[in-house]
């Protein structure tokens, strides 16, 4: 079995937070551990409004992501 490869990478921006999202050749989307950890820390320190804004931006970005 061949491991999937990255077909392209995009960035989700929410306020000062940026998360790189990689689209893989098998249709999977992957977030780097460093970005995931930074997002979790940002959310833990943020307000309820920050969490709401993040969830909306993430859902919007994922719905517009281009798949191969």
Protein backbone atom coordinates (compact mmCIF):
# COMPACT_ATOMS: atom_id res chain seq x y z
CA UNK A 1 0.00 0.00 0.00
CA UNK A 2 1.29 3.46 -0.92
CA UNK A 3 1.12 6.25 1.63
CA UNK A 4 -0.91 9.29 0.56
CA UNK A 5 0.94 12.42 -0.51
CA UNK A 6 0.12 16.09 0.01
CA UNK A 7 -1.65 17.47 -3.05
CA UNK A 8 -1.90 21.03 -1.75
CA UNK A 9 -1.84 23.10 1.41
CA UNK A 10 -4.00 25.99 2.57
CA UNK A 11 -4.22 28.20 5.63
CA UNK A 12 -7.23 28.83 7.85
CA UNK A 13 -7.04 32.23 9.56
CA UNK A 14 -9.08 33.16 12.63
CA UNK A 15 -7.99 36.43 14.14
CA UNK A 16 -4.29 36.07 14.88
CA UNK A 17 -4.39 32.27 14.59
CA UNK A 18 -3.24 30.52 11.41
CA UNK A 19 -3.60 26.77 10.86
CA UNK A 20 -2.06 24.99 7.88
CA UNK A 21 -4.31 22.31 6.40
CA UNK A 22 -2.88 19.75 4.00
CA UNK A 23 -5.09 17.92 1.52
CA UNK A 24 -3.80 14.42 0.87
CA UNK A 25 -4.10 12.33 -2.29
CA UNK A 26 -6.59 9.98 -0.58
CA UNK A 27 -8.98 12.84 0.27
CA UNK A 28 -7.89 13.16 3.89
CA UNK A 29 -7.20 16.58 5.38
CA UNK A 30 -4.38 16.83 7.90
CA UNK A 31 -3.31 19.55 10.34
CA UNK A 32 0.27 19.63 11.57
CA UNK A 33 0.68 18.79 15.26
CA UNK A 34 2.37 22.14 15.95
CA UNK A 35 -0.58 24.04 14.47
CA UNK A 36 -3.11 21.81 16.26
CA UNK A 37 -1.36 22.36 19.62
CA UNK A 38 -1.22 26.13 19.02
CA UNK A 39 -4.94 26.17 18.13
CA UNK A 40 -5.88 24.23 21.27
CA UNK A 41 -3.84 26.62 23.43
CA UNK A 42 -5.42 29.61 21.67
CA UNK A 43 -8.91 28.21 22.26
CA UNK A 44 -8.17 27.36 25.92
CA UNK A 45 -7.07 30.94 26.56
CA UNK A 46 -9.82 32.54 24.48
CA UNK A 47 -13.34 33.63 25.17
CA UNK A 48 -16.55 31.90 24.16
CA UNK A 49 -16.76 34.33 21.23
CA UNK A 50 -13.27 33.23 20.09
CA UNK A 51 -14.38 29.58 20.13
CA UNK A 52 -17.53 30.43 18.18
CA UNK A 53 -15.54 32.46 15.60
CA UNK A 54 -13.02 29.62 15.24
CA UNK A 55 -15.71 27.00 14.72
CA UNK A 56 -17.44 29.10 12.06
CA UNK A 57 -14.19 29.93 10.23
CA UNK A 58 -13.06 26.30 10.29
CA UNK A 59 -16.41 25.01 8.99
CA UNK A 60 -16.43 27.66 6.26
CA UNK A 61 -12.87 26.88 5.19
CA UNK A 62 -13.50 23.13 5.11
CA UNK A 63 -16.64 23.57 3.01
CA UNK A 64 -14.63 25.56 0.43
CA UNK A 65 -11.54 23.34 0.40
CA UNK A 66 -10.61 22.12 -3.04
CA UNK A 67 -10.30 18.39 -3.30
CA UNK A 68 -8.34 16.69 -6.06
